Amino acid sequence: MPWWIWVLGGLVLLVAEVTTPGGFFVIFFGAGAILVGVLKAAGWAGPPWAEWAVFSALSLVSLELFRKPLMRRFNLSSGRAVDRIEGERAIVTEDVAPGGVGKAEMRGASWTARTAGGEPLARGRRCRVERVEGLTLWLRAE
């Protein structure tokens, strides 16, 4: 593959990183492709299988070494949470006995609700979401 194809492919990958919410993954493959293009232009790349091996090695090693520091530098978490539900308020729509199951409404949606404390939750009561397990809210009375 000509050197300029590697550089062009690397630039396309860098643009893809900037235009998508990827979380610093594609940038390392773009940088690896550009470096292989530079090596190829300098005559140091070798046969096609070696180009792909160098590309893979450079991309994966740089991903492993530099992604976490970049994530910390830009204050991004690796597991992007769109929204946190813990601490929000929900309204009980069915009575919930201690250890029992009922229903609650939060943000206009109906959820399965359980008590996080030992006291029953009466219909219409405002509660705080203690934790979420799947589609079940664990509620504690305020």
Foldseek 3Di string as FASTA:
>chain_A
DALVVLLVVLVVLCVVPVVDVPQPQSNLLSVLSNVLSVCVVVVNQDDPVSSVVSSVVSSVVCCVPPRVVVCVVVVHDPDDDPDDQAFDKWFFQAKEAAVGWGWIDDPRDIAIEHEPDHHIDHGGFIWGFHDDDPRYTHTYGD
